[in-house]
Amino acid sequence: MTVGLIGIALVSLGMVLTPGPNMIYLISRSVTQGRRSGLISLTGVFLGFTTYLTATCLGLTAVFAYVPAAYTGLKLAGAAYLLWLAWNAVKPGGASAFQPRELPVEGPGKLFSMGLLTCLLNPKIAILYLSLLPQFIDPSMGHVLLQSLALGSVQIAVGTLVNALIVITAGSLAAFLARRPGWVRIQRYVTGTILGSFAVIMATDRSKAIVTP
């Protein structure tokens, strides 16, 4: 289980550092309206994470109890998705999330709801739980639901913490990276390497499907 927790933490770190809707929105909001607004938006993102985790964990126990072969399909789908994220991180001309968009000033309620909506409409989050979470579950330990919740909680903790740090430092990071484009390339290549490595590991893994809830 410890290996699984470390594994999901590393994958979550790689994914949260890959520019996507959540990161771009939070950075843009923080730069435009300040750290407080960025953190309020992040609470909406946190609720989105929790909503996906709850729905997925309840569904996973049923899916793997009755359709064990689905494990293989999800594993390959997860590996393919990680490879796609890795390519997007390293491909020539890739954009940096630290080039924020201008956003209109909004109140706390709107900030929270926009953060939630951005997370719920983010396909990366849905695929993370549906395709990647099962890869770190140990069938021999049983309690698939509890394992899923524990692993998902690690992902939420990593994602929330990293996003909070990004929100707090968004303005400074944007200015720093604008003057040093080489650092952006380094971040992209490191992220791509992490995600690509896990994609290969997942695709070549020979572990059996989960058959008991």
N, C-alpha and C. Protein backbone atom coordinates (compact mmCIF):
# COMPACT_ATOMS: atom_id res chain seq x y z
N MET A 1 0.83 -1.20 0.00
CA MET A 1 0.00 0.00 0.00
C MET A 1 0.86 1.26 0.00
N THR A 2 2.00 1.18 0.73
CA THR A 2 2.90 2.34 0.78
C THR A 2 3.42 2.67 -0.60
N VAL A 3 3.77 1.64 -1.38
CA VAL A 3 4.25 1.85 -2.74
C VAL A 3 3.18 2.53 -3.58
N GLY A 4 1.94 2.09 -3.40
CA GLY A 4 0.84 2.69 -4.13
C GLY A 4 0.65 4.15 -3.77
N LEU A 5 0.76 4.48 -2.48
CA LEU A 5 0.61 5.87 -2.05
C LEU A 5 1.71 6.76 -2.64
N ILE A 6 2.94 6.23 -2.66
CA ILE A 6 4.04 6.99 -3.24
C ILE A 6 3.83 7.15 -4.74
N GLY A 7 3.40 6.06 -5.37
CA GLY A 7 3.18 6.09 -6.81
C GLY A 7 2.13 7.10 -7.21
N ILE A 8 0.97 7.08 -6.53
CA ILE A 8 -0.11 8.02 -6.88
C ILE A 8 0.31 9.45 -6.56
N ALA A 9 1.14 9.63 -5.52
CA ALA A 9 1.62 10.97 -5.19
C ALA A 9 2.51 11.52 -6.30
N LEU A 10 3.38 10.67 -6.84
CA LEU A 10 4.29 11.11 -7.91
C LEU A 10 3.51 11.41 -9.20
N VAL A 11 2.57 10.52 -9.53
CA VAL A 11 1.76 10.75 -10.73
C VAL A 11 0.93 12.03 -10.57
N SER A 12 0.36 12.21 -9.38
CA SER A 12 -0.44 13.41 -9.13
C SER A 12 0.40 14.67 -9.25
N LEU A 13 1.64 14.59 -8.75
CA LEU A 13 2.54 15.74 -8.85
C LEU A 13 2.84 16.06 -10.30
N GLY A 14 3.12 15.01 -11.09
CA GLY A 14 3.40 15.24 -12.50
C GLY A 14 2.21 15.83 -13.23
N MET A 15 1.01 15.34 -12.89
CA MET A 15 -0.19 15.82 -13.58
C MET A 15 -0.56 17.24 -13.16
N VAL A 16 -0.40 17.56 -11.87
CA VAL A 16 -0.78 18.90 -11.42
C VAL A 16 0.19 19.95 -11.96
N LEU A 17 1.42 19.52 -12.27
CA LEU A 17 2.40 20.45 -12.83
C LEU A 17 2.28 20.57 -14.35
N THR A 18 1.41 19.74 -14.94
CA THR A 18 1.16 19.83 -16.37
C THR A 18 0.07 20.87 -16.61
N PRO A 19 0.35 21.90 -17.40
CA PRO A 19 -0.66 22.95 -17.62
C PRO A 19 -1.99 22.38 -18.09
N GLY A 20 -3.05 22.74 -17.39
CA GLY A 20 -4.39 22.30 -17.73
C GLY A 20 -5.39 23.36 -17.31
N PRO A 21 -6.69 23.10 -17.46
CA PRO A 21 -7.70 24.10 -17.13
C PRO A 21 -7.60 24.63 -15.70
N ASN A 22 -7.39 23.73 -14.72
CA ASN A 22 -7.33 24.18 -13.33
C ASN A 22 -6.16 25.14 -13.11
N MET A 23 -4.96 24.74 -13.54
CA MET A 23 -3.78 25.55 -13.33
C MET A 23 -3.91 26.90 -14.04
N ILE A 24 -4.33 26.87 -15.29
CA ILE A 24 -4.43 28.11 -16.06
C ILE A 24 -5.44 29.05 -15.42
N TYR A 25 -6.59 28.50 -14.98
CA TYR A 25 -7.60 29.35 -14.35
C TYR A 25 -7.09 29.94 -13.04
N LEU A 26 -6.50 29.11 -12.19
CA LEU A 26 -6.04 29.58 -10.88
C LEU A 26 -4.94 30.63 -11.01
N ILE A 27 -4.02 30.42 -11.93
CA ILE A 27 -2.95 31.40 -12.13
C ILE A 27 -3.53 32.71 -12.66
N SER A 28 -4.38 32.60 -13.66
CA SER A 28 -4.97 33.80 -14.24
C SER A 28 -5.78 34.57 -13.20
N ARG A 29 -6.56 33.84 -12.38
CA ARG A 29 -7.37 34.49 -11.36
C ARG A 29 -6.49 35.16 -10.31
N SER A 30 -5.42 34.49 -9.90
CA SER A 30 -4.54 35.04 -8.87
C SER A 30 -3.80 36.27 -9.36
N VAL A 31 -3.32 36.22 -10.59
CA VAL A 31 -2.59 37.36 -11.15
C VAL A 31 -3.54 38.55 -11.36
N THR A 32 -4.76 38.26 -11.81
CA THR A 32 -5.72 39.32 -12.11
C THR A 32 -6.34 39.93 -10.86
N GLN A 33 -6.68 39.06 -9.87
CA GLN A 33 -7.49 39.52 -8.75
C GLN A 33 -6.84 39.29 -7.39
N GLY A 34 -5.67 38.69 -7.32
CA GLY A 34 -4.96 38.53 -6.06
C GLY A 34 -5.04 37.13 -5.49
N ARG A 35 -4.19 36.89 -4.49
CA ARG A 35 -4.07 35.56 -3.89
C ARG A 35 -5.36 35.10 -3.23
N ARG A 36 -6.04 36.00 -2.52
CA ARG A 36 -7.27 35.61 -1.82
C ARG A 36 -8.30 35.06 -2.81
N SER A 37 -8.45 35.72 -3.93
CA SER A 37 -9.40 35.25 -4.94
C SER A 37 -8.96 33.91 -5.51
N GLY A 38 -7.65 33.73 -5.69
CA GLY A 38 -7.15 32.46 -6.18
C GLY A 38 -7.42 31.33 -5.21
N LEU A 39 -7.27 31.60 -3.91
CA LEU A 39 -7.51 30.57 -2.90
C LEU A 39 -9.00 30.24 -2.78
N ILE A 40 -9.87 31.23 -2.93
CA ILE A 40 -11.30 30.96 -2.92
C ILE A 40 -11.67 30.07 -4.11
N SER A 41 -11.09 30.38 -5.26
CA SER A 41 -11.32 29.55 -6.44
C SER A 41 -10.83 28.13 -6.20
N LEU A 42 -9.72 28.01 -5.49
CA LEU A 42 -9.15 26.69 -5.22
C LEU A 42 -10.07 25.85 -4.34
N THR A 43 -10.85 26.47 -3.46
CA THR A 43 -11.80 25.68 -2.65
C THR A 43 -12.85 25.03 -3.55
N GLY A 44 -13.23 25.71 -4.62
CA GLY A 44 -14.15 25.11 -5.58
C GLY A 44 -13.51 23.94 -6.30
N VAL A 45 -12.22 24.08 -6.67
CA VAL A 45 -11.49 22.99 -7.30
C VAL A 45 -11.40 21.80 -6.35
N PHE A 46 -11.16 22.07 -5.07
CA PHE A 46 -11.07 21.01 -4.06
C PHE A 46 -12.38 20.22 -3.99
N LEU A 47 -13.51 20.92 -4.00
CA LEU A 47 -14.80 20.23 -3.97
C LEU A 47 -14.98 19.40 -5.23
N GLY A 48 -14.51 19.89 -6.37
CA GLY A 48 -14.58 19.12 -7.60
C GLY A 48 -13.78 17.83 -7.50
N PHE A 49 -12.57 17.91 -6.94
CA PHE A 49 -11.77 16.71 -6.71
C PHE A 49 -12.54 15.70 -5.85
N THR A 50 -13.11 16.19 -4.76
CA THR A 50 -13.81 15.32 -3.81
C THR A 50 -15.03 14.67 -4.46
N THR A 51 -15.75 15.43 -5.28
CA THR A 51 -16.92 14.90 -5.96
C THR A 51 -16.54 13.76 -6.90
N TYR A 52 -15.49 13.97 -7.70
CA TYR A 52 -15.03 12.93 -8.62
C TYR A 52 -14.55 11.69 -7.85
N LEU A 53 -13.81 11.91 -6.77
CA LEU A 53 -13.27 10.79 -6.01
C LEU A 53 -14.40 9.93 -5.44
N THR A 54 -15.40 10.56 -4.83
CA THR A 54 -16.50 9.83 -4.23
C THR A 54 -17.26 9.01 -5.27
N ALA A 55 -17.59 9.64 -6.38
CA ALA A 55 -18.34 8.95 -7.43
C ALA A 55 -17.54 7.80 -8.02
N THR A 56 -16.25 8.03 -8.23
CA THR A 56 -15.42 7.01 -8.85
C THR A 56 -15.20 5.82 -7.92
N CYS A 57 -14.92 6.09 -6.65
CA CYS A 57 -14.67 5.00 -5.70
C CYS A 57 -15.90 4.11 -5.55
N LEU A 58 -17.06 4.69 -5.47
CA LEU A 58 -18.27 3.89 -5.35
C LEU A 58 -18.51 3.06 -6.60
N GLY A 59 -18.16 3.62 -7.75
CA GLY A 59 -18.34 2.89 -9.00
C GLY A 59 -17.29 1.82 -9.21
N LEU A 60 -16.06 2.09 -8.77
CA LEU A 60 -14.97 1.13 -8.98
C LEU A 60 -15.24 -0.19 -8.28
N THR A 61 -15.77 -0.13 -7.07
CA THR A 61 -16.01 -1.38 -6.35
C THR A 61 -16.98 -2.27 -7.11
N ALA A 62 -17.99 -1.67 -7.73
CA ALA A 62 -18.96 -2.45 -8.50
C ALA A 62 -18.36 -2.94 -9.81
N VAL A 63 -17.65 -2.06 -10.52
CA VAL A 63 -17.08 -2.43 -11.82
C VAL A 63 -16.11 -3.59 -11.69
N PHE A 64 -15.20 -3.51 -10.73
CA PHE A 64 -14.18 -4.55 -10.63
C PHE A 64 -14.69 -5.81 -9.95
N ALA A 65 -15.80 -5.72 -9.27
CA ALA A 65 -16.40 -6.93 -8.69
C ALA A 65 -17.05 -7.78 -9.77
N TYR A 66 -17.64 -7.11 -10.76
CA TYR A 66 -18.40 -7.84 -11.78
C TYR A 66 -17.72 -7.90 -13.14
N VAL A 67 -16.80 -7.01 -13.41
CA VAL A 67 -16.11 -7.01 -14.72
C VAL A 67 -14.61 -6.86 -14.49
N PRO A 68 -13.94 -7.90 -13.99
CA PRO A 68 -12.51 -7.81 -13.72
C PRO A 68 -11.68 -7.46 -14.95
N ALA A 69 -12.12 -7.88 -16.14
CA ALA A 69 -11.35 -7.61 -17.35
C ALA A 69 -11.27 -6.12 -17.66
N ALA A 70 -12.14 -5.32 -17.04
CA ALA A 70 -12.10 -3.87 -17.28
C ALA A 70 -10.80 -3.27 -16.78
N TYR A 71 -10.14 -3.96 -15.84
CA TYR A 71 -8.87 -3.49 -15.31
C TYR A 71 -7.83 -3.30 -16.41
N THR A 72 -7.75 -4.27 -17.32
CA THR A 72 -6.77 -4.18 -18.40
C THR A 72 -7.06 -3.01 -19.31
N GLY A 73 -8.33 -2.84 -19.66
CA GLY A 73 -8.69 -1.72 -20.52
C GLY A 73 -8.39 -0.38 -19.89
N LEU A 74 -8.69 -0.25 -18.60
CA LEU A 74 -8.42 1.00 -17.91
C LEU A 74 -6.92 1.24 -17.79
N LYS A 75 -6.17 0.17 -17.59
CA LYS A 75 -4.72 0.32 -17.48
C LYS A 75 -4.13 0.87 -18.78
N LEU A 76 -4.53 0.30 -19.91
CA LEU A 76 -4.03 0.76 -21.19
C LEU A 76 -4.50 2.18 -21.50
N ALA A 77 -5.74 2.48 -21.13
CA ALA A 77 -6.25 3.83 -21.35
C ALA A 77 -5.48 4.84 -20.50
N GLY A 78 -5.19 4.46 -19.28
CA GLY A 78 -4.42 5.35 -18.41
C GLY A 78 -3.02 5.58 -18.92
N ALA A 79 -2.37 4.51 -19.40
CA ALA A 79 -1.02 4.64 -19.94
C ALA A 79 -1.01 5.53 -21.18
N ALA A 80 -2.01 5.34 -22.05
CA ALA A 80 -2.10 6.16 -23.26
C ALA A 80 -2.31 7.63 -22.90
N TYR A 81 -3.13 7.86 -21.88
CA TYR A 81 -3.40 9.25 -21.49
C TYR A 81 -2.15 9.90 -20.89
N LEU A 82 -1.39 9.16 -20.11
CA LEU A 82 -0.15 9.69 -19.56
C LEU A 82 0.84 10.03 -20.67
N LEU A 83 0.90 9.16 -21.69
CA LEU A 83 1.78 9.45 -22.82
C LEU A 83 1.35 10.71 -23.54
N TRP A 84 0.05 10.89 -23.68
CA TRP A 84 -0.47 12.09 -24.34
C TRP A 84 -0.11 13.34 -23.55
N LEU A 85 -0.25 13.27 -22.22
CA LEU A 85 0.13 14.41 -21.37
C LEU A 85 1.64 14.67 -21.46
N ALA A 86 2.42 13.58 -21.48
CA ALA A 86 3.87 13.74 -21.59
C ALA A 86 4.25 14.44 -22.89
N TRP A 87 3.62 14.03 -23.99
CA TRP A 87 3.90 14.66 -25.28
C TRP A 87 3.52 16.14 -25.27
N ASN A 88 2.37 16.46 -24.70
CA ASN A 88 1.95 17.85 -24.64
C ASN A 88 2.88 18.69 -23.78
N ALA A 89 3.55 18.05 -22.82
CA ALA A 89 4.47 18.78 -21.96
C ALA A 89 5.77 19.11 -22.68
N VAL A 90 6.22 18.23 -23.59
CA VAL A 90 7.53 18.42 -24.21
C VAL A 90 7.48 18.83 -25.68
N LYS A 91 6.32 18.81 -26.30
CA LYS A 91 6.26 19.10 -27.73
C LYS A 91 6.70 20.53 -28.02
N PRO A 92 7.32 20.76 -29.18
CA PRO A 92 7.75 22.10 -29.55
C PRO A 92 6.58 23.08 -29.59
N GLY A 93 6.81 24.27 -29.10
CA GLY A 93 5.77 25.29 -29.15
C GLY A 93 4.72 25.18 -28.06
N GLY A 94 4.93 24.28 -27.09
CA GLY A 94 3.96 24.15 -26.01
C GLY A 94 3.85 25.43 -25.20
N ALA A 95 2.63 25.81 -24.85
CA ALA A 95 2.41 27.05 -24.12
C ALA A 95 2.62 26.84 -22.63
N SER A 96 3.01 27.90 -21.94
CA SER A 96 3.19 27.86 -20.50
C SER A 96 1.93 28.37 -19.81
N ALA A 97 1.56 27.70 -18.73
CA ALA A 97 0.39 28.14 -17.97
C ALA A 97 0.66 29.46 -17.26
N PHE A 98 1.93 29.83 -17.18
CA PHE A 98 2.28 31.06 -16.48
C PHE A 98 2.23 32.27 -17.40
N GLN A 99 1.52 32.12 -18.52
CA GLN A 99 1.18 33.24 -19.38
C GLN A 99 -0.32 33.46 -19.19
N PRO A 100 -0.72 34.14 -18.09
CA PRO A 100 -2.11 34.19 -17.68
C PRO A 100 -3.01 35.00 -18.61
N ARG A 101 -4.31 34.66 -18.58
CA ARG A 101 -5.32 35.40 -19.31
C ARG A 101 -5.90 36.48 -18.41
N GLU A 102 -6.39 37.53 -19.02
CA GLU A 102 -7.08 38.58 -18.26
C GLU A 102 -8.50 38.11 -17.97
N LEU A 103 -8.92 38.21 -16.70
CA LEU A 103 -10.26 37.78 -16.29
C LEU A 103 -10.97 38.93 -15.59
N PRO A 104 -12.29 39.00 -15.71
CA PRO A 104 -13.03 40.04 -15.00
C PRO A 104 -13.04 39.79 -13.50
N VAL A 105 -13.14 40.85 -12.72
CA VAL A 105 -13.18 40.73 -11.26
C VAL A 105 -14.53 40.14 -10.84
N GLU A 106 -14.50 39.12 -9.96
CA GLU A 106 -15.72 38.44 -9.53
C GLU A 106 -15.78 38.38 -8.00
N GLY A 107 -16.99 38.18 -7.44
CA GLY A 107 -17.18 38.04 -6.01
C GLY A 107 -16.86 36.63 -5.54
N PRO A 108 -16.80 36.41 -4.21
CA PRO A 108 -16.44 35.10 -3.64
C PRO A 108 -17.30 33.95 -4.15
N GLY A 109 -18.62 34.15 -4.19
CA GLY A 109 -19.51 33.07 -4.64
C GLY A 109 -19.22 32.66 -6.07
N LYS A 110 -19.01 33.63 -6.92
CA LYS A 110 -18.72 33.34 -8.32
C LYS A 110 -17.35 32.69 -8.47
N LEU A 111 -16.40 33.14 -7.65
CA LEU A 111 -15.06 32.55 -7.70
C LEU A 111 -15.11 31.07 -7.33
N PHE A 112 -15.86 30.75 -6.26
CA PHE A 112 -15.99 29.36 -5.81
C PHE A 112 -16.66 28.52 -6.89
N SER A 113 -17.76 28.98 -7.43
CA SER A 113 -18.50 28.20 -8.42
C SER A 113 -17.70 28.03 -9.71
N MET A 114 -16.94 29.04 -10.10
CA MET A 114 -16.12 28.92 -11.30
C MET A 114 -14.98 27.94 -11.09
N GLY A 115 -14.40 27.92 -9.89
CA GLY A 115 -13.36 26.94 -9.59
C GLY A 115 -13.92 25.53 -9.63
N LEU A 116 -15.12 25.35 -9.06
CA LEU A 116 -15.77 24.03 -9.06
C LEU A 116 -16.08 23.59 -10.49
N LEU A 117 -16.66 24.49 -11.27
CA LEU A 117 -17.03 24.15 -12.64
C LEU A 117 -15.81 23.83 -13.49
N THR A 118 -14.75 24.61 -13.31
CA THR A 118 -13.52 24.35 -14.06
C THR A 118 -12.99 22.96 -13.78
N CYS A 119 -13.05 22.54 -12.51
CA CYS A 119 -12.57 21.21 -12.13
C CYS A 119 -13.47 20.12 -12.68
N LEU A 120 -14.80 20.28 -12.53
CA LEU A 120 -15.73 19.25 -12.97
C LEU A 120 -15.72 19.06 -14.48
N LEU A 121 -15.39 20.11 -15.22
CA LEU A 121 -15.35 20.02 -16.68
C LEU A 121 -13.96 19.69 -17.20
N ASN A 122 -13.04 19.39 -16.30
CA ASN A 122 -11.66 19.08 -16.68
C ASN A 122 -11.54 17.58 -16.95
N PRO A 123 -11.36 17.16 -18.21
CA PRO A 123 -11.29 15.72 -18.50
C PRO A 123 -10.10 15.03 -17.86
N LYS A 124 -9.05 15.80 -17.57
CA LYS A 124 -7.87 15.21 -16.94
C LYS A 124 -8.20 14.62 -15.58
N ILE A 125 -9.09 15.27 -14.83
CA ILE A 125 -9.46 14.79 -13.50
C ILE A 125 -10.30 13.52 -13.61
N ALA A 126 -11.24 13.51 -14.53
CA ALA A 126 -12.08 12.33 -14.70
C ALA A 126 -11.24 11.11 -15.07
N ILE A 127 -10.33 11.29 -16.01
CA ILE A 127 -9.50 10.17 -16.45
C ILE A 127 -8.52 9.76 -15.37
N LEU A 128 -8.06 10.73 -14.58
CA LEU A 128 -7.15 10.40 -13.48
C LEU A 128 -7.78 9.37 -12.55
N TYR A 129 -9.02 9.61 -12.15
CA TYR A 129 -9.67 8.70 -11.21
C TYR A 129 -10.11 7.41 -11.87
N LEU A 130 -10.67 7.50 -13.06
CA LEU A 130 -11.21 6.31 -13.71
C LEU A 130 -10.13 5.36 -14.21
N SER A 131 -9.04 5.92 -14.75
CA SER A 131 -8.03 5.09 -15.41
C SER A 131 -6.78 4.86 -14.57
N LEU A 132 -6.39 5.83 -13.75
CA LEU A 132 -5.10 5.73 -13.06
C LEU A 132 -5.22 5.21 -11.63
N LEU A 133 -6.27 5.58 -10.93
CA LEU A 133 -6.40 5.16 -9.54
C LEU A 133 -6.33 3.65 -9.37
N PRO A 134 -6.99 2.86 -10.23
CA PRO A 134 -6.95 1.41 -10.05
C PRO A 134 -5.55 0.81 -10.18
N GLN A 135 -4.64 1.49 -10.86
CA GLN A 135 -3.32 0.92 -11.07
C GLN A 135 -2.52 0.79 -9.77
N PHE A 136 -2.90 1.53 -8.75
CA PHE A 136 -2.13 1.55 -7.51
C PHE A 136 -2.84 0.80 -6.38
N ILE A 137 -3.91 0.09 -6.72
CA ILE A 137 -4.63 -0.70 -5.73
C ILE A 137 -4.04 -2.11 -5.66
N ASP A 138 -3.82 -2.61 -4.46
CA ASP A 138 -3.27 -3.95 -4.25
C ASP A 138 -4.42 -4.92 -4.00
N PRO A 139 -4.75 -5.79 -4.97
CA PRO A 139 -5.89 -6.71 -4.81
C PRO A 139 -5.76 -7.62 -3.59
N SER A 140 -4.52 -8.00 -3.24
CA SER A 140 -4.33 -8.94 -2.16
C SER A 140 -4.71 -8.35 -0.80
N MET A 141 -4.78 -7.04 -0.70
CA MET A 141 -5.09 -6.40 0.56
C MET A 141 -6.60 -6.27 0.79
N GLY A 142 -7.40 -6.49 -0.27
CA GLY A 142 -8.85 -6.35 -0.14
C GLY A 142 -9.25 -4.90 0.11
N HIS A 143 -10.51 -4.71 0.52
CA HIS A 143 -11.00 -3.37 0.84
C HIS A 143 -10.70 -2.37 -0.28
N VAL A 144 -11.18 -2.70 -1.47
CA VAL A 144 -10.91 -1.86 -2.63
C VAL A 144 -11.42 -0.43 -2.41
N LEU A 145 -12.60 -0.32 -1.82
CA LEU A 145 -13.17 1.02 -1.60
C LEU A 145 -12.28 1.85 -0.69
N LEU A 146 -11.82 1.25 0.42
CA LEU A 146 -10.97 1.99 1.35
C LEU A 146 -9.64 2.35 0.71
N GLN A 147 -9.07 1.41 -0.06
CA GLN A 147 -7.82 1.71 -0.76
C GLN A 147 -8.02 2.86 -1.75
N SER A 148 -9.13 2.82 -2.47
CA SER A 148 -9.43 3.87 -3.45
C SER A 148 -9.54 5.23 -2.78
N LEU A 149 -10.24 5.26 -1.64
CA LEU A 149 -10.40 6.52 -0.92
C LEU A 149 -9.07 7.04 -0.40
N ALA A 150 -8.22 6.12 0.11
CA ALA A 150 -6.92 6.53 0.63
C ALA A 150 -6.04 7.09 -0.48
N LEU A 151 -5.99 6.36 -1.60
CA LEU A 151 -5.17 6.80 -2.72
C LEU A 151 -5.70 8.12 -3.30
N GLY A 152 -7.02 8.21 -3.43
CA GLY A 152 -7.61 9.43 -3.94
C GLY A 152 -7.36 10.61 -3.02
N SER A 153 -7.36 10.36 -1.71
CA SER A 153 -7.09 11.43 -0.75
C SER A 153 -5.68 11.96 -0.90
N VAL A 154 -4.75 11.07 -1.22
CA VAL A 154 -3.37 11.51 -1.46
C VAL A 154 -3.32 12.41 -2.68
N GLN A 155 -4.04 12.01 -3.74
CA GLN A 155 -4.08 12.83 -4.95
C GLN A 155 -4.66 14.21 -4.64
N ILE A 156 -5.74 14.24 -3.88
CA ILE A 156 -6.37 15.52 -3.54
C ILE A 156 -5.42 16.38 -2.72
N ALA A 157 -4.72 15.75 -1.76
CA ALA A 157 -3.78 16.50 -0.92
C ALA A 157 -2.65 17.10 -1.76
N VAL A 158 -2.08 16.28 -2.66
CA VAL A 158 -0.99 16.76 -3.51
C VAL A 158 -1.49 17.86 -4.44
N GLY A 159 -2.63 17.60 -5.09
CA GLY A 159 -3.16 18.58 -6.03
C GLY A 159 -3.51 19.90 -5.36
N THR A 160 -4.15 19.83 -4.18
CA THR A 160 -4.54 21.05 -3.48
C THR A 160 -3.33 21.82 -2.97
N LEU A 161 -2.35 21.11 -2.40
CA LEU A 161 -1.16 21.76 -1.87
C LEU A 161 -0.36 22.45 -2.96
N VAL A 162 -0.12 21.73 -4.06
CA VAL A 162 0.65 22.31 -5.16
C VAL A 162 -0.09 23.50 -5.77
N ASN A 163 -1.39 23.35 -5.97
CA ASN A 163 -2.16 24.47 -6.52
C ASN A 163 -2.18 25.66 -5.58
N ALA A 164 -2.22 25.41 -4.27
CA ALA A 164 -2.18 26.51 -3.30
C ALA A 164 -0.85 27.26 -3.40
N LEU A 165 0.25 26.51 -3.52
CA LEU A 165 1.56 27.14 -3.67
C LEU A 165 1.63 27.94 -4.96
N ILE A 166 1.03 27.41 -6.02
CA ILE A 166 1.01 28.11 -7.30
C ILE A 166 0.21 29.40 -7.18
N VAL A 167 -0.94 29.34 -6.50
CA VAL A 167 -1.77 30.53 -6.31
C VAL A 167 -1.01 31.60 -5.53
N ILE A 168 -0.36 31.19 -4.44
CA ILE A 168 0.34 32.13 -3.58
C ILE A 168 1.51 32.80 -4.30
N THR A 169 2.16 32.04 -5.18
CA THR A 169 3.36 32.57 -5.85
C THR A 169 3.13 32.91 -7.32
N ALA A 170 1.86 32.91 -7.76
CA ALA A 170 1.56 33.06 -9.19
C ALA A 170 2.17 34.31 -9.79
N GLY A 171 1.97 35.45 -9.14
CA GLY A 171 2.48 36.69 -9.69
C GLY A 171 3.98 36.69 -9.82
N SER A 172 4.66 36.26 -8.77
CA SER A 172 6.12 36.23 -8.79
C SER A 172 6.65 35.22 -9.79
N LEU A 173 6.01 34.04 -9.84
CA LEU A 173 6.45 33.01 -10.78
C LEU A 173 6.26 33.45 -12.23
N ALA A 174 5.12 34.08 -12.51
CA ALA A 174 4.86 34.54 -13.87
C ALA A 174 5.92 35.54 -14.32
N ALA A 175 6.26 36.47 -13.43
CA ALA A 175 7.28 37.47 -13.77
C ALA A 175 8.66 36.82 -13.91
N PHE A 176 8.97 35.89 -13.01
CA PHE A 176 10.27 35.20 -13.05
C PHE A 176 10.44 34.42 -14.34
N LEU A 177 9.43 33.62 -14.69
CA LEU A 177 9.52 32.78 -15.87
C LEU A 177 9.46 33.58 -17.17
N ALA A 178 8.79 34.73 -17.12
CA ALA A 178 8.76 35.57 -18.32
C ALA A 178 10.15 36.06 -18.68
N ARG A 179 11.00 36.24 -17.67
CA ARG A 179 12.38 36.69 -17.91
C ARG A 179 13.33 35.52 -18.15
N ARG A 180 12.90 34.30 -17.83
CA ARG A 180 13.78 33.13 -17.94
C ARG A 180 13.04 31.98 -18.61
N PRO A 181 12.84 32.05 -19.91
CA PRO A 181 12.09 30.99 -20.62
C PRO A 181 12.74 29.62 -20.52
N GLY A 182 14.04 29.57 -20.24
CA GLY A 182 14.72 28.28 -20.10
C GLY A 182 14.15 27.46 -18.97
N TRP A 183 13.72 28.12 -17.88
CA TRP A 183 13.14 27.41 -16.74
C TRP A 183 11.81 26.77 -17.12
N VAL A 184 11.06 27.42 -17.99
CA VAL A 184 9.79 26.84 -18.44
C VAL A 184 10.04 25.55 -19.19
N ARG A 185 11.06 25.54 -20.04
CA ARG A 185 11.39 24.32 -20.79
C ARG A 185 11.82 23.20 -19.85
N ILE A 186 12.60 23.54 -18.83
CA ILE A 186 13.04 22.53 -17.86
C ILE A 186 11.84 21.91 -17.16
N GLN A 187 10.91 22.77 -16.71
CA GLN A 187 9.70 22.28 -16.03
C GLN A 187 8.91 21.35 -16.94
N ARG A 188 8.79 21.71 -18.21
CA ARG A 188 8.03 20.89 -19.15
C ARG A 188 8.71 19.55 -19.38
N TYR A 189 10.03 19.53 -19.54
CA TYR A 189 10.73 18.27 -19.81
C TYR A 189 10.74 17.35 -18.59
N VAL A 190 10.90 17.92 -17.40
CA VAL A 190 10.87 17.09 -16.19
C VAL A 190 9.49 16.46 -16.02
N THR A 191 8.45 17.28 -16.20
CA THR A 191 7.08 16.77 -16.10
C THR A 191 6.82 15.69 -17.14
N GLY A 192 7.23 15.93 -18.38
CA GLY A 192 7.03 14.95 -19.44
C GLY A 192 7.74 13.64 -19.16
N THR A 193 8.94 13.72 -18.59
CA THR A 193 9.71 12.51 -18.27
C THR A 193 9.01 11.68 -17.20
N ILE A 194 8.51 12.37 -16.15
CA ILE A 194 7.82 11.66 -15.07
C ILE A 194 6.58 10.94 -15.60
N LEU A 195 5.77 11.67 -16.36
CA LEU A 195 4.53 11.09 -16.87
C LEU A 195 4.81 9.97 -17.88
N GLY A 196 5.80 10.16 -18.74
CA GLY A 196 6.14 9.14 -19.72
C GLY A 196 6.65 7.87 -19.06
N SER A 197 7.45 8.01 -18.02
CA SER A 197 7.99 6.85 -17.31
C SER A 197 6.87 6.02 -16.68
N PHE A 198 5.93 6.69 -16.05
CA PHE A 198 4.81 5.97 -15.45
C PHE A 198 3.93 5.33 -16.51
N ALA A 199 3.81 5.95 -17.66
CA ALA A 199 3.01 5.36 -18.74
C ALA A 199 3.61 4.02 -19.17
N VAL A 200 4.93 3.97 -19.31
CA VAL A 200 5.61 2.73 -19.70
C VAL A 200 5.44 1.66 -18.63
N ILE A 201 5.60 2.06 -17.36
CA ILE A 201 5.45 1.11 -16.25
C ILE A 201 4.04 0.53 -16.22
N MET A 202 3.05 1.38 -16.39
CA MET A 202 1.66 0.92 -16.38
C MET A 202 1.36 -0.01 -17.55
N ALA A 203 1.85 0.35 -18.74
CA ALA A 203 1.55 -0.44 -19.94
C ALA A 203 2.19 -1.82 -19.88
N THR A 204 3.32 -1.95 -19.20
CA THR A 204 4.04 -3.23 -19.14
C THR A 204 3.75 -4.01 -17.87
N ASP A 205 2.96 -3.46 -16.98
CA ASP A 205 2.64 -4.14 -15.72
C ASP A 205 1.83 -5.41 -15.99
N ARG A 206 2.17 -6.50 -15.29
CA ARG A 206 1.49 -7.78 -15.52
C ARG A 206 0.59 -8.18 -14.35
N SER A 207 0.30 -7.23 -13.47
CA SER A 207 -0.54 -7.59 -12.32
C SER A 207 -1.95 -7.95 -12.76
N LYS A 208 -2.61 -8.77 -11.97
CA LYS A 208 -3.95 -9.24 -12.31
C LYS A 208 -4.99 -8.19 -12.02
N ALA A 209 -6.14 -8.36 -12.63
CA ALA A 209 -7.25 -7.45 -12.40
C ALA A 209 -7.78 -7.60 -10.98
N ILE A 210 -8.37 -6.55 -10.48
CA ILE A 210 -9.00 -6.58 -9.16
C ILE A 210 -10.33 -7.34 -9.29
N VAL A 211 -10.51 -8.33 -8.46
CA VAL A 211 -11.71 -9.16 -8.61
C VAL A 211 -12.59 -9.16 -7.38
N THR A 212 -12.11 -8.57 -6.30
CA THR A 212 -12.92 -8.55 -5.09
C THR A 212 -13.03 -7.15 -4.55
N PRO A 213 -14.20 -6.74 -4.07
CA PRO A 213 -14.39 -5.41 -3.51
C PRO A 213 -13.87 -5.36 -2.09
